[in-house]
PDB file of N, CA and C in Angstrom:
ATOM      1  N   MET A   1      -1.167 -49.767  19.261  1.00  0.00           N
ATOM      2  CA  MET A   1      -0.846 -49.839  20.665  1.00  0.00           C
ATOM      3  C   MET A   1      -1.949 -50.600  21.379  1.00  0.00           C
ATOM      4  N   ASP A   2      -1.574 -51.473  22.278  1.00  0.00           N
ATOM      5  CA  ASP A   2      -2.550 -52.186  23.085  1.00  0.00           C
ATOM      6  C   ASP A   2      -3.215 -51.209  24.035  1.00  0.00           C
ATOM      7  N   LYS A   3      -4.515 -51.434  24.231  1.00  0.00           N
ATOM      8  CA  LYS A   3      -5.227 -50.615  25.211  1.00  0.00           C
ATOM      9  C   LYS A   3      -4.781 -51.020  26.604  1.00  0.00           C
ATOM     10  N   MET A   4      -4.815 -50.068  27.516  1.00  0.00           N
ATOM     11  CA  MET A   4      -4.480 -50.381  28.897  1.00  0.00           C
ATOM     12  C   MET A   4      -5.343 -49.535  29.808  1.00  0.00           C
ATOM     13  N   ASN A   5      -5.566 -50.045  30.982  1.00  0.00           N
ATOM     14  CA  ASN A   5      -6.324 -49.317  31.987  1.00  0.00           C
ATOM     15  C   ASN A   5      -5.343 -48.663  32.947  1.00  0.00           C
ATOM     16  N   ILE A   6      -5.583 -47.406  33.232  1.00  0.00           N
ATOM     17  CA  ILE A   6      -4.737 -46.681  34.179  1.00  0.00           C
ATOM     18  C   ILE A   6      -5.610 -46.307  35.364  1.00  0.00           C
ATOM     19  N   PRO A   7      -5.337 -46.892  36.515  1.00  0.00           N
ATOM     20  CA  PRO A   7      -6.139 -46.538  37.693  1.00  0.00           C
ATOM     21  C   PRO A   7      -5.840 -45.107  38.131  1.00  0.00           C
ATOM     22  N   PHE A   8      -6.777 -44.524  38.866  1.00  0.00           N
ATOM     23  CA  PHE A   8      -6.582 -43.181  39.409  1.00  0.00           C
ATOM     24  C   PHE A   8      -5.291 -43.151  40.217  1.00  0.00           C
ATOM     25  N   GLN A   9      -4.483 -42.152  39.953  1.00  0.00           N
ATOM     26  CA  GLN A   9      -3.261 -41.984  40.728  1.00  0.00           C
ATOM     27  C   GLN A   9      -2.851 -40.525  40.733  1.00  0.00           C
ATOM     28  N   ILE A  10      -2.109 -40.176  41.735  1.00  0.00           N
ATOM     29  CA  ILE A  10      -1.603 -38.815  41.891  1.00  0.00           C
ATOM     30  C   ILE A  10      -0.096 -38.863  41.678  1.00  0.00           C
ATOM     31  N   ILE A  11       0.413 -37.892  40.949  1.00  0.00           N
ATOM     32  CA  ILE A  11       1.860 -37.794  40.749  1.00  0.00           C
ATOM     33  C   ILE A  11       2.354 -36.627  41.592  1.00  0.00           C
ATOM     34  N   ASP A  12       3.159 -36.922  42.584  1.00  0.00           N
ATOM     35  CA  ASP A  12       3.790 -35.884  43.395  1.00  0.00           C
ATOM     36  C   ASP A  12       5.182 -35.668  42.797  1.00  0.00           C
ATOM     37  N   TRP A  13       5.297 -34.653  41.937  1.00  0.00           N
ATOM     38  CA  TRP A  13       6.540 -34.427  41.211  1.00  0.00           C
ATOM     39  C   TRP A  13       7.724 -34.182  42.139  1.00  0.00           C
ATOM     40  N   SER A  14       7.463 -33.737  43.372  1.00  0.00           N
ATOM     41  CA  SER A  14       8.564 -33.490  44.305  1.00  0.00           C
ATOM     42  C   SER A  14       9.254 -34.796  44.718  1.00  0.00           C
ATOM     43  N   ASN A  15       8.608 -35.927  44.479  1.00  0.00           N
ATOM     44  CA  ASN A  15       9.198 -37.231  44.807  1.00  0.00           C
ATOM     45  C   ASN A  15       9.788 -37.955  43.592  1.00  0.00           C
ATOM     46  N   ILE A  16       9.724 -37.331  42.425  1.00  0.00           N
ATOM     47  CA  ILE A  16      10.226 -37.956  41.194  1.00  0.00           C
ATOM     48  C   ILE A  16      11.638 -37.432  40.932  1.00  0.00           C
ATOM     49  N   PRO A  17      12.636 -38.331  40.833  1.00  0.00           N
ATOM     50  CA  PRO A  17      14.019 -37.875  40.606  1.00  0.00           C
ATOM     51  C   PRO A  17      14.176 -37.149  39.267  1.00  0.00           C
ATOM     52  N   ARG A  18      15.117 -36.211  39.251  1.00  0.00           N
ATOM     53  CA  ARG A  18      15.430 -35.457  38.025  1.00  0.00           C
ATOM     54  C   ARG A  18      16.654 -36.061  37.357  1.00  0.00           C
ATOM     55  N   SER A  19      16.607 -36.151  36.045  1.00  0.00           N
ATOM     56  CA  SER A  19      17.792 -36.554  35.288  1.00  0.00           C
ATOM     57  C   SER A  19      18.214 -35.376  34.417  1.00  0.00           C
ATOM     58  N   GLU A  20      19.518 -35.258  34.188  1.00  0.00           N
ATOM     59  CA  GLU A  20      20.075 -34.139  33.436  1.00  0.00           C
ATOM     60  C   GLU A  20      20.449 -34.601  32.030  1.00  0.00           C
ATOM     61  N   HIS A  21      20.106 -33.774  31.031  1.00  0.00           N
ATOM     62  CA  HIS A  21      20.399 -34.088  29.634  1.00  0.00           C
ATOM     63  C   HIS A  21      21.013 -32.854  28.985  1.00  0.00           C
ATOM     64  N   LYS A  22      22.209 -33.005  28.434  1.00  0.00           N
ATOM     65  CA  LYS A  22      22.890 -31.879  27.797  1.00  0.00           C
ATOM     66  C   LYS A  22      22.298 -31.615  26.418  1.00  0.00           C
ATOM     67  N   GLY A  23      22.138 -30.342  26.112  1.00  0.00           N
ATOM     68  CA  GLY A  23      21.714 -29.932  24.790  1.00  0.00           C
ATOM     69  C   GLY A  23      22.923 -29.503  23.983  1.00  0.00           C
ATOM     70  N   GLU A  24      22.668 -29.016  22.769  1.00  0.00           N
ATOM     71  CA  GLU A  24      23.745 -28.405  21.983  1.00  0.00           C
ATOM     72  C   GLU A  24      24.331 -27.271  22.807  1.00  0.00           C
ATOM     73  N   SER A  25      23.455 -26.554  23.502  1.00  0.00           N
ATOM     74  CA  SER A  25      23.856 -25.616  24.556  1.00  0.00           C
ATOM     75  C   SER A  25      22.806 -25.715  25.647  1.00  0.00           C
ATOM     76  N   GLY A  26      23.197 -25.466  26.865  1.00  0.00           N
ATOM     77  CA  GLY A  26      22.272 -25.528  27.986  1.00  0.00           C
ATOM     78  C   GLY A  26      21.945 -26.952  28.408  1.00  0.00           C
ATOM     79  N   LEU A  27      21.047 -27.047  29.389  1.00  0.00           N
ATOM     80  CA  LEU A  27      20.690 -28.335  29.972  1.00  0.00           C
ATOM     81  C   LEU A  27      19.181 -28.516  30.005  1.00  0.00           C
ATOM     82  N   ALA A  28      18.764 -29.774  29.945  1.00  0.00           N
ATOM     83  CA  ALA A  28      17.365 -30.146  30.145  1.00  0.00           C
ATOM     84  C   ALA A  28      17.310 -31.036  31.380  1.00  0.00           C
ATOM     85  N   TYR A  29      16.308 -30.820  32.211  1.00  0.00           N
ATOM     86  CA  TYR A  29      16.091 -31.639  33.397  1.00  0.00           C
ATOM     87  C   TYR A  29      14.743 -32.334  33.247  1.00  0.00           C
ATOM     88  N   TRP A  30      14.751 -33.660  33.324  1.00  0.00           N
ATOM     89  CA  TRP A  30      13.537 -34.453  33.148  1.00  0.00           C
ATOM     90  C   TRP A  30      13.152 -35.116  34.458  1.00  0.00           C
ATOM     91  N   GLN A  31      11.867 -35.115  34.738  1.00  0.00           N
ATOM     92  CA  GLN A  31      11.275 -35.965  35.766  1.00  0.00           C
ATOM     93  C   GLN A  31      10.273 -36.823  35.007  1.00  0.00           C
ATOM     94  N   THR A  32      10.439 -38.145  35.068  1.00  0.00           N
ATOM     95  CA  THR A  32       9.706 -39.038  34.171  1.00  0.00           C
ATOM     96  C   THR A  32       8.909 -40.085  34.923  1.00  0.00           C
ATOM     97  N   ILE A  33       7.666 -40.267  34.475  1.00  0.00           N
ATOM     98  CA  ILE A  33       6.794 -41.344  34.939  1.00  0.00           C
ATOM     99  C   ILE A  33       6.471 -42.202  33.709  1.00  0.00           C
ATOM    100  N   GLN A  34       6.615 -43.512  33.837  1.00  0.00           N
ATOM    101  CA  GLN A  34       6.272 -44.437  32.753  1.00  0.00           C
ATOM    102  C   GLN A  34       5.120 -45.310  33.223  1.00  0.00           C
ATOM    103  N   VAL A  35       4.012 -45.292  32.491  1.00  0.00           N
ATOM    104  CA  VAL A  35       2.852 -46.126  32.790  1.00  0.00           C
ATOM    105  C   VAL A  35       2.574 -46.940  31.533  1.00  0.00           C
ATOM    106  N   GLY A  36       3.063 -48.179  31.498  1.00  0.00           N
ATOM    107  CA  GLY A  36       2.950 -48.965  30.269  1.00  0.00           C
ATOM    108  C   GLY A  36       3.647 -48.225  29.145  1.00  0.00           C
ATOM    109  N   GLY A  37       2.952 -48.025  28.030  1.00  0.00           N
ATOM    110  CA  GLY A  37       3.523 -47.324  26.890  1.00  0.00           C
ATOM    111  C   GLY A  37       3.352 -45.819  26.936  1.00  0.00           C
ATOM    112  N   LEU A  38       2.834 -45.302  28.040  1.00  0.00           N
ATOM    113  CA  LEU A  38       2.604 -43.870  28.208  1.00  0.00           C
ATOM    114  C   LEU A  38       3.732 -43.271  29.043  1.00  0.00           C
ATOM    115  N   ARG A  39       4.365 -42.210  28.520  1.00  0.00           N
ATOM    116  CA  ARG A  39       5.424 -41.525  29.262  1.00  0.00           C
ATOM    117  C   ARG A  39       4.955 -40.107  29.546  1.00  0.00           C
ATOM    118  N   ILE A  40       5.064 -39.706  30.817  1.00  0.00           N
ATOM    119  CA  ILE A  40       4.686 -38.363  31.247  1.00  0.00           C
ATOM    120  C   ILE A  40       5.931 -37.735  31.864  1.00  0.00           C
ATOM    121  N   ARG A  41       6.298 -36.546  31.366  1.00  0.00           N
ATOM    122  CA  ARG A  41       7.519 -35.890  31.864  1.00  0.00           C
ATOM    123  C   ARG A  41       7.249 -34.441  32.229  1.00  0.00           C
ATOM    124  N   LEU A  42       7.861 -34.017  33.307  1.00  0.00           N
ATOM    125  CA  LEU A  42       7.976 -32.614  33.643  1.00  0.00           C
ATOM    126  C   LEU A  42       9.394 -32.250  33.218  1.00  0.00           C
ATOM    127  N   VAL A  43       9.533 -31.308  32.295  1.00  0.00           N
ATOM    128  CA  VAL A  43      10.834 -30.990  31.700  1.00  0.00           C
ATOM    129  C   VAL A  43      11.121 -29.500  31.862  1.00  0.00           C
ATOM    130  N   GLU A  44      12.340 -29.202  32.293  1.00  0.00           N
ATOM    131  CA  GLU A  44      12.784 -27.813  32.374  1.00  0.00           C
ATOM    132  C   GLU A  44      14.011 -27.651  31.489  1.00  0.00           C
ATOM    133  N   TYR A  45      13.992 -26.617  30.642  1.00  0.00           N
ATOM    134  CA  TYR A  45      15.161 -26.252  29.842  1.00  0.00           C
ATOM    135  C   TYR A  45      15.786 -25.022  30.473  1.00  0.00           C
ATOM    136  N   SER A  46      17.103 -25.041  30.627  1.00  0.00           N
ATOM    137  CA  SER A  46      17.817 -23.895  31.187  1.00  0.00           C
ATOM    138  C   SER A  46      17.835 -22.733  30.200  1.00  0.00           C
ATOM    139  N   LYS A  47      18.218 -21.576  30.687  1.00  0.00           N
ATOM    140  CA  LYS A  47      18.412 -20.425  29.803  1.00  0.00           C
ATOM    141  C   LYS A  47      19.419 -20.814  28.725  1.00  0.00           C
ATOM    142  N   GLY A  48      19.151 -20.421  27.493  1.00  0.00           N
ATOM    143  CA  GLY A  48      20.077 -20.686  26.400  1.00  0.00           C
ATOM    144  C   GLY A  48      20.064 -22.120  25.882  1.00  0.00           C
ATOM    145  N   TYR A  49      19.060 -22.918  26.258  1.00  0.00           N
ATOM    146  CA  TYR A  49      19.001 -24.320  25.821  1.00  0.00           C
ATOM    147  C   TYR A  49      18.662 -24.414  24.333  1.00  0.00           C
ATOM    148  N   ILE A  50      19.412 -25.286  23.648  1.00  0.00           N
ATOM    149  CA  ILE A  50      19.107 -25.681  22.270  1.00  0.00           C
ATOM    150  C   ILE A  50      19.250 -27.196  22.219  1.00  0.00           C
ATOM    151  N   ALA A  51      18.217 -27.889  21.741  1.00  0.00           N
ATOM    152  CA  ALA A  51      18.275 -29.351  21.643  1.00  0.00           C
ATOM    153  C   ALA A  51      19.442 -29.771  20.753  1.00  0.00           C
ATOM    154  N   ASP A  52      20.030 -30.910  21.075  1.00  0.00           N
ATOM    155  CA  ASP A  52      21.193 -31.388  20.324  1.00  0.00           C
ATOM    156  C   ASP A  52      20.813 -32.346  19.192  1.00  0.00           C
ATOM    157  N   HIS A  53      19.521 -32.467  18.877  1.00  0.00           N
ATOM    158  CA  HIS A  53      19.088 -33.382  17.816  1.00  0.00           C
ATOM    159  C   HIS A  53      17.712 -32.953  17.289  1.00  0.00           C
ATOM    160  N   TRP A  54      17.384 -33.458  16.115  1.00  0.00           N
ATOM    161  CA  TRP A  54      16.052 -33.301  15.549  1.00  0.00           C
ATOM    162  C   TRP A  54      15.244 -34.508  15.999  1.00  0.00           C
ATOM    163  N   CYS A  55      14.123 -34.277  16.638  1.00  0.00           N
ATOM    164  CA  CYS A  55      13.300 -35.348  17.184  1.00  0.00           C
ATOM    165  C   CYS A  55      12.213 -35.728  16.183  1.00  0.00           C
ATOM    166  N   THR A  56      12.005 -37.032  16.012  1.00  0.00           N
ATOM    167  CA  THR A  56      10.950 -37.519  15.113  1.00  0.00           C
ATOM    168  C   THR A  56       9.789 -38.137  15.887  1.00  0.00           C
ATOM    169  N   LYS A  57       9.906 -38.178  17.214  1.00  0.00           N
ATOM    170  CA  LYS A  57       8.849 -38.764  18.041  1.00  0.00           C
ATOM    171  C   LYS A  57       7.661 -37.814  18.168  1.00  0.00           C
ATOM    172  N   GLY A  58       6.499 -38.391  18.394  1.00  0.00           N
ATOM    173  CA  GLY A  58       5.304 -37.604  18.640  1.00  0.00           C
ATOM    174  C   GLY A  58       5.234 -37.181  20.100  1.00  0.00           C
ATOM    175  N   HIS A  59       4.630 -36.040  20.349  1.00  0.00           N
ATOM    176  CA  HIS A  59       4.490 -35.519  21.713  1.00  0.00           C
ATOM    177  C   HIS A  59       3.220 -34.686  21.820  1.00  0.00           C
ATOM    178  N   ILE A  60       2.774 -34.546  23.039  1.00  0.00           N
ATOM    179  CA  ILE A  60       1.870 -33.474  23.431  1.00  0.00           C
ATOM    180  C   ILE A  60       2.716 -32.642  24.393  1.00  0.00           C
ATOM    181  N   VAL A  61       2.965 -31.387  24.034  1.00  0.00           N
ATOM    182  CA  VAL A  61       3.839 -30.526  24.827  1.00  0.00           C
ATOM    183  C   VAL A  61       3.047 -29.306  25.280  1.00  0.00           C
ATOM    184  N   HIS A  62       2.959 -29.135  26.599  1.00  0.00           N
ATOM    185  CA  HIS A  62       2.230 -28.001  27.171  1.00  0.00           C
ATOM    186  C   HIS A  62       3.213 -27.123  27.958  1.00  0.00           C
ATOM    187  N   CYS A  63       3.209 -25.841  27.646  1.00  0.00           N
ATOM    188  CA  CYS A  63       4.108 -24.888  28.298  1.00  0.00           C
ATOM    189  C   CYS A  63       3.498 -24.416  29.613  1.00  0.00           C
ATOM    190  N   LEU A  64       4.183 -24.748  30.713  1.00  0.00           N
ATOM    191  CA  LEU A  64       3.721 -24.376  32.051  1.00  0.00           C
ATOM    192  C   LEU A  64       4.246 -23.018  32.500  1.00  0.00           C
ATOM    193  N   GLU A  65       5.497 -22.729  32.158  1.00  0.00           N
ATOM    194  CA  GLU A  65       6.143 -21.464  32.544  1.00  0.00           C
ATOM    195  C   GLU A  65       7.150 -21.090  31.476  1.00  0.00           C
ATOM    196  N   GLY A  66       7.325 -19.794  31.249  1.00  0.00           N
ATOM    197  CA  GLY A  66       8.344 -19.333  30.309  1.00  0.00           C
ATOM    198  C   GLY A  66       7.885 -19.414  28.864  1.00  0.00           C
ATOM    199  N   ASP A  67       8.849 -19.517  27.958  1.00  0.00           N
ATOM    200  CA  ASP A  67       8.553 -19.607  26.533  1.00  0.00           C
ATOM    201  C   ASP A  67       9.674 -20.354  25.828  1.00  0.00           C
ATOM    202  N   PHE A  68       9.350 -20.909  24.664  1.00  0.00           N
ATOM    203  CA  PHE A  68      10.345 -21.627  23.875  1.00  0.00           C
ATOM    204  C   PHE A  68       9.957 -21.598  22.413  1.00  0.00           C
ATOM    205  N   VAL A  69      10.918 -21.959  21.577  1.00  0.00           N
ATOM    206  CA  VAL A  69      10.698 -22.050  20.135  1.00  0.00           C
ATOM    207  C   VAL A  69      10.726 -23.517  19.748  1.00  0.00           C
ATOM    208  N   SER A  70       9.715 -23.941  19.015  1.00  0.00           N
ATOM    209  CA  SER A  70       9.726 -25.270  18.412  1.00  0.00           C
ATOM    210  C   SER A  70       9.997 -25.059  16.930  1.00  0.00           C
ATOM    211  N   GLU A  71      11.139 -25.560  16.477  1.00  0.00           N
ATOM    212  CA  GLU A  71      11.574 -25.377  15.088  1.00  0.00           C
ATOM    213  C   GLU A  71      11.382 -26.686  14.339  1.00  0.00           C
ATOM    214  N   LEU A  72      10.786 -26.612  13.150  1.00  0.00           N
ATOM    215  CA  LEU A  72      10.623 -27.788  12.310  1.00  0.00           C
ATOM    216  C   LEU A  72      11.787 -27.875  11.337  1.00  0.00           C
ATOM    217  N   LEU A  73      12.075 -29.078  10.887  1.00  0.00           N
ATOM    218  CA  LEU A  73      13.193 -29.313   9.976  1.00  0.00           C
ATOM    219  C   LEU A  73      13.051 -28.495   8.691  1.00  0.00           C
ATOM    220  N   ASN A  74      11.816 -28.179   8.295  1.00  0.00           N
ATOM    221  CA  ASN A  74      11.595 -27.393   7.075  1.00  0.00           C
ATOM    222  C   ASN A  74      11.841 -25.898   7.274  1.00  0.00           C
ATOM    223  N   GLY A  75      12.251 -25.504   8.501  1.00  0.00           N
ATOM    224  CA  GLY A  75      12.577 -24.104   8.763  1.00  0.00           C
ATOM    225  C   GLY A  75      11.495 -23.320   9.479  1.00  0.00           C
ATOM    226  N   GLU A  76      10.274 -23.847   9.535  1.00  0.00           N
ATOM    227  CA  GLU A  76       9.214 -23.145  10.262  1.00  0.00           C
ATOM    228  C   GLU A  76       9.557 -23.082  11.744  1.00  0.00           C
ATOM    229  N   LYS A  77       9.194 -21.963  12.378  1.00  0.00           N
ATOM    230  CA  LYS A  77       9.433 -21.786  13.814  1.00  0.00           C
ATOM    231  C   LYS A  77       8.151 -21.305  14.468  1.00  0.00           C
ATOM    232  N   PHE A  78       7.873 -21.875  15.642  1.00  0.00           N
ATOM    233  CA  PHE A  78       6.683 -21.525  16.398  1.00  0.00           C
ATOM    234  C   PHE A  78       7.101 -21.152  17.811  1.00  0.00           C
ATOM    235  N   ILE A  79       6.639 -20.000  18.284  1.00  0.00           N
ATOM    236  CA  ILE A  79       6.926 -19.566  19.649  1.00  0.00           C
ATOM    237  C   ILE A  79       5.738 -19.976  20.513  1.00  0.00           C
ATOM    238  N   LEU A  80       6.028 -20.731  21.564  1.00  0.00           N
ATOM    239  CA  LEU A  80       4.996 -21.135  22.502  1.00  0.00           C
ATOM    240  C   LEU A  80       5.273 -20.489  23.853  1.00  0.00           C
ATOM    241  N   THR A  81       4.229 -19.956  24.453  1.00  0.00           N
ATOM    242  CA  THR A  81       4.334 -19.301  25.750  1.00  0.00           C
ATOM    243  C   THR A  81       3.424 -20.011  26.755  1.00  0.00           C
ATOM    244  N   LYS A  82       3.514 -19.599  27.991  1.00  0.00           N
ATOM    245  CA  LYS A  82       2.722 -20.202  29.065  1.00  0.00           C
ATOM    246  C   LYS A  82       1.269 -20.389  28.639  1.00  0.00           C
ATOM    247  N   GLY A  83       0.770 -21.619  28.817  1.00  0.00           N
ATOM    248  CA  GLY A  83      -0.616 -21.930  28.484  1.00  0.00           C
ATOM    249  C   GLY A  83      -0.828 -22.478  27.083  1.00  0.00           C
ATOM    250  N   MET A  84       0.220 -22.475  26.241  1.00  0.00           N
ATOM    251  CA  MET A  84       0.090 -22.986  24.877  1.00  0.00           C
ATOM    252  C   MET A  84       0.560 -24.446  24.805  1.00  0.00           C
ATOM    253  N   THR A  85       0.032 -25.179  23.816  1.00  0.00           N
ATOM    254  CA  THR A  85       0.317 -26.598  23.644  1.00  0.00           C
ATOM    255  C   THR A  85       0.542 -26.897  22.170  1.00  0.00           C
ATOM    256  N   TYR A  86       1.449 -27.842  21.886  1.00  0.00           N
ATOM    257  CA  TYR A  86       1.500 -28.385  20.530  1.00  0.00           C
ATOM    258  C   TYR A  86       1.378 -29.894  20.588  1.00  0.00           C
ATOM    259  N   VAL A  87       0.880 -30.468  19.479  1.00  0.00           N
ATOM    260  CA  VAL A  87       0.685 -31.909  19.349  1.00  0.00           C
ATOM    261  C   VAL A  87       1.233 -32.329  17.997  1.00  0.00           C
ATOM    262  N   VAL A  88       1.965 -33.462  17.967  1.00  0.00           N
ATOM    263  CA  VAL A  88       2.477 -33.997  16.706  1.00  0.00           C
ATOM    264  C   VAL A  88       2.590 -35.515  16.835  1.00  0.00           C
ATOM    265  N   SER A  89       2.307 -36.226  15.750  1.00  0.00           N
ATOM    266  CA  SER A  89       2.445 -37.688  15.723  1.00  0.00           C
ATOM    267  C   SER A  89       3.885 -38.085  15.418  1.00  0.00           C
ATOM    268  N   ASP A  90       4.237 -39.327  15.771  1.00  0.00           N
ATOM    269  CA  ASP A  90       5.553 -39.886  15.438  1.00  0.00           C
ATOM    270  C   ASP A  90       5.809 -39.772  13.936  1.00  0.00           C
ATOM    271  N   GLU A  91       7.064 -39.477  13.579  1.00  0.00           N
ATOM    272  CA  GLU A  91       7.532 -39.498  12.195  1.00  0.00           C
ATOM    273  C   GLU A  91       6.832 -38.501  11.271  1.00  0.00           C
ATOM    274  N   LEU A  92       6.071 -37.562  11.816  1.00  0.00           N
ATOM    275  CA  LEU A  92       5.321 -36.644  10.954  1.00  0.00           C
ATOM    276  C   LEU A  92       6.046 -35.321  10.716  1.00  0.00           C
ATOM    277  N   SER A  93       6.707 -34.781  11.719  1.00  0.00           N
ATOM    278  CA  SER A  93       7.399 -33.499  11.592  1.00  0.00           C
ATOM    279  C   SER A  93       8.620 -33.490  12.507  1.00  0.00           C
ATOM    280  N   SER A  94       9.803 -33.577  11.928  1.00  0.00           N
ATOM    281  CA  SER A  94      11.017 -33.492  12.743  1.00  0.00           C
ATOM    282  C   SER A  94      11.080 -32.109  13.366  1.00  0.00           C
ATOM    283  N   HIS A  95      11.412 -32.058  14.670  1.00  0.00           N
ATOM    284  CA  HIS A  95      11.369 -30.800  15.402  1.00  0.00           C
ATOM    285  C   HIS A  95      12.459 -30.772  16.463  1.00  0.00           C
ATOM    286  N   ARG A  96      12.783 -29.560  16.907  1.00  0.00           N
ATOM    287  CA  ARG A  96      13.690 -29.390  18.039  1.00  0.00           C
ATOM    288  C   ARG A  96      13.297 -28.121  18.777  1.00  0.00           C
ATOM    289  N   SER A  97      13.663 -28.085  20.051  1.00  0.00           N
ATOM    290  CA  SER A  97      13.277 -26.966  20.907  1.00  0.00           C
ATOM    291  C   SER A  97      14.480 -26.127  21.296  1.00  0.00           C
ATOM    292  N   SER A  98      14.217 -24.861  21.557  1.00  0.00           N
ATOM    293  CA  SER A  98      15.229 -23.964  22.114  1.00  0.00           C
ATOM    294  C   SER A  98      14.517 -22.913  22.957  1.00  0.00           C
ATOM    295  N   THR A  99      15.259 -22.329  23.883  1.00  0.00           N
ATOM    296  CA  THR A  99      14.702 -21.258  24.704  1.00  0.00           C
ATOM    297  C   THR A  99      15.804 -20.281  25.080  1.00  0.00           C
ATOM    298  N   THR A 100      15.476 -19.029  25.079  1.00  0.00           N
ATOM    299  CA  THR A 100      16.412 -17.987  25.493  1.00  0.00           C
ATOM    300  C   THR A 100      16.389 -17.823  27.012  1.00  0.00           C
ATOM    301  N   HIS A 101      15.185 -17.811  27.573  1.00  0.00           N
ATOM    302  CA  HIS A 101      15.011 -17.461  28.986  1.00  0.00           C
ATOM    303  C   HIS A 101      14.780 -18.650  29.910  1.00  0.00           C
ATOM    304  N   GLY A 102      14.582 -19.845  29.365  1.00  0.00           N
ATOM    305  CA  GLY A 102      14.235 -21.020  30.162  1.00  0.00           C
ATOM    306  C   GLY A 102      12.745 -21.286  30.080  1.00  0.00           C
ATOM    307  N   VAL A 103      12.368 -22.545  30.309  1.00  0.00           N
ATOM    308  CA  VAL A 103      10.969 -22.933  30.183  1.00  0.00           C
ATOM    309  C   VAL A 103      10.710 -24.189  31.004  1.00  0.00           C
ATOM    310  N   LYS A 104       9.472 -24.354  31.420  1.00  0.00           N
ATOM    311  CA  LYS A 104       9.031 -25.563  32.121  1.00  0.00           C
ATOM    312  C   LYS A 104       7.863 -26.141  31.330  1.00  0.00           C
ATOM    313  N   LEU A 105       7.949 -27.430  30.988  1.00  0.00           N
ATOM    314  CA  LEU A 105       6.978 -28.076  30.109  1.00  0.00           C
ATOM    315  C   LEU A 105       6.418 -29.348  30.729  1.00  0.00           C
ATOM    316  N   LEU A 106       5.203 -29.695  30.357  1.00  0.00           N
ATOM    317  CA  LEU A 106       4.640 -31.008  30.621  1.00  0.00           C
ATOM    318  C   LEU A 106       4.585 -31.700  29.264  1.00  0.00           C
ATOM    319  N   ILE A 107       5.252 -32.851  29.146  1.00  0.00           N
ATOM    320  CA  ILE A 107       5.339 -33.560  27.870  1.00  0.00           C
ATOM    321  C   ILE A 107       4.775 -34.961  28.052  1.00  0.00           C
ATOM    322  N   ILE A 108       3.840 -35.320  27.176  1.00  0.00           N
ATOM    323  CA  ILE A 108       3.218 -36.642  27.198  1.00  0.00           C
ATOM    324  C   ILE A 108       3.456 -37.286  25.845  1.00  0.00           C
ATOM    325  N   ASP A 109       3.930 -38.534  25.867  1.00  0.00           N
ATOM    326  CA  ASP A 109       4.125 -39.250  24.606  1.00  0.00           C
ATOM    327  C   ASP A 109       3.962 -40.743  24.825  1.00  0.00           C
ATOM    328  N   GLY A 110       3.957 -41.466  23.732  1.00  0.00           N
ATOM    329  CA  GLY A 110       3.792 -42.908  23.798  1.00  0.00           C
ATOM    330  C   GLY A 110       3.237 -43.451  22.496  1.00  0.00           C
ATOM    331  N   GLY A 111       2.963 -44.732  22.492  1.00  0.00           N
ATOM    332  CA  GLY A 111       2.521 -45.425  21.290  1.00  0.00           C
ATOM    333  C   GLY A 111       1.243 -44.886  20.675  1.00  0.00           C
ATOM    334  N   PHE A 112       0.411 -44.215  21.449  1.00  0.00           N
ATOM    335  CA  PHE A 112      -0.837 -43.668  20.910  1.00  0.00           C
ATOM    336  C   PHE A 112      -0.585 -42.562  19.886  1.00  0.00           C
ATOM    337  N   LEU A 113       0.648 -42.077  19.787  1.00  0.00           N
ATOM    338  CA  LEU A 113       0.988 -41.018  18.826  1.00  0.00           C
ATOM    339  C   LEU A 113       1.632 -41.566  17.555  1.00  0.00           C
ATOM    340  N   LYS A 114       1.655 -42.878  17.391  1.00  0.00           N
ATOM    341  CA  LYS A 114       2.214 -43.455  16.172  1.00  0.00           C
ATOM    342  C   LYS A 114       1.381 -43.040  14.973  1.00  0.00           C
ATOM    343  N   LEU A 115       2.039 -42.746  13.885  1.00  0.00           N
ATOM    344  CA  LEU A 115       1.392 -42.360  12.647  1.00  0.00           C
ATOM    345  C   LEU A 115       0.548 -43.514  12.134  1.00  0.00           C
ATOM    346  N   THR A 116      -0.680 -43.249  11.705  1.00  0.00           N
ATOM    347  CA  THR A 116      -1.545 -44.303  11.172  1.00  0.00           C
ATOM    348  C   THR A 116      -1.872 -44.013   9.716  1.00  0.00           C
ATOM    349  N   ASP A 117      -2.359 -45.037   9.036  1.00  0.00           N
ATOM    350  CA  ASP A 117      -2.735 -44.898   7.628  1.00  0.00           C
ATOM    351  C   ASP A 117      -4.221 -44.574   7.466  1.00  0.00           C
ATOM    352  N   ASP A 118      -4.932 -44.352   8.569  1.00  0.00           N
ATOM    353  CA  ASP A 118      -6.366 -44.070   8.504  1.00  0.00           C
ATOM    354  C   ASP A 118      -6.606 -42.750   7.793  1.00  0.00           C
ATOM    355  N   ASP A 119      -7.615 -42.728   6.928  1.00  0.00           N
ATOM    356  CA  ASP A 119      -7.981 -41.491   6.226  1.00  0.00           C
ATOM    357  C   ASP A 119      -9.252 -40.919   6.790  1.00  0.00           C
TER     358      ASP A 119
END
């Protein structure tokens, strides 16, 4: 990924439009900021949300409110609650999210999470 400079800026989420995304069940609401190759999202999953796909992209996911399950394709499941974060690189672990009660997340992703061959 090319390096880029990001000047100081404030994100007022109340001014960022929400988009709706259907899950296998429930809905996800995204508010998205794109700065070059960096994507920053405030995401809310409704009660009973289950993602409709296995994601292979890398993310930094921080739980702001509520709780959710991050399930890996190999069957492992991790419960994340308010204040917890997970990090994964692109193409490293297929995953999907679900929540019983609803959750609010801050998700950051972009080219900096591409898998590298560095040892």
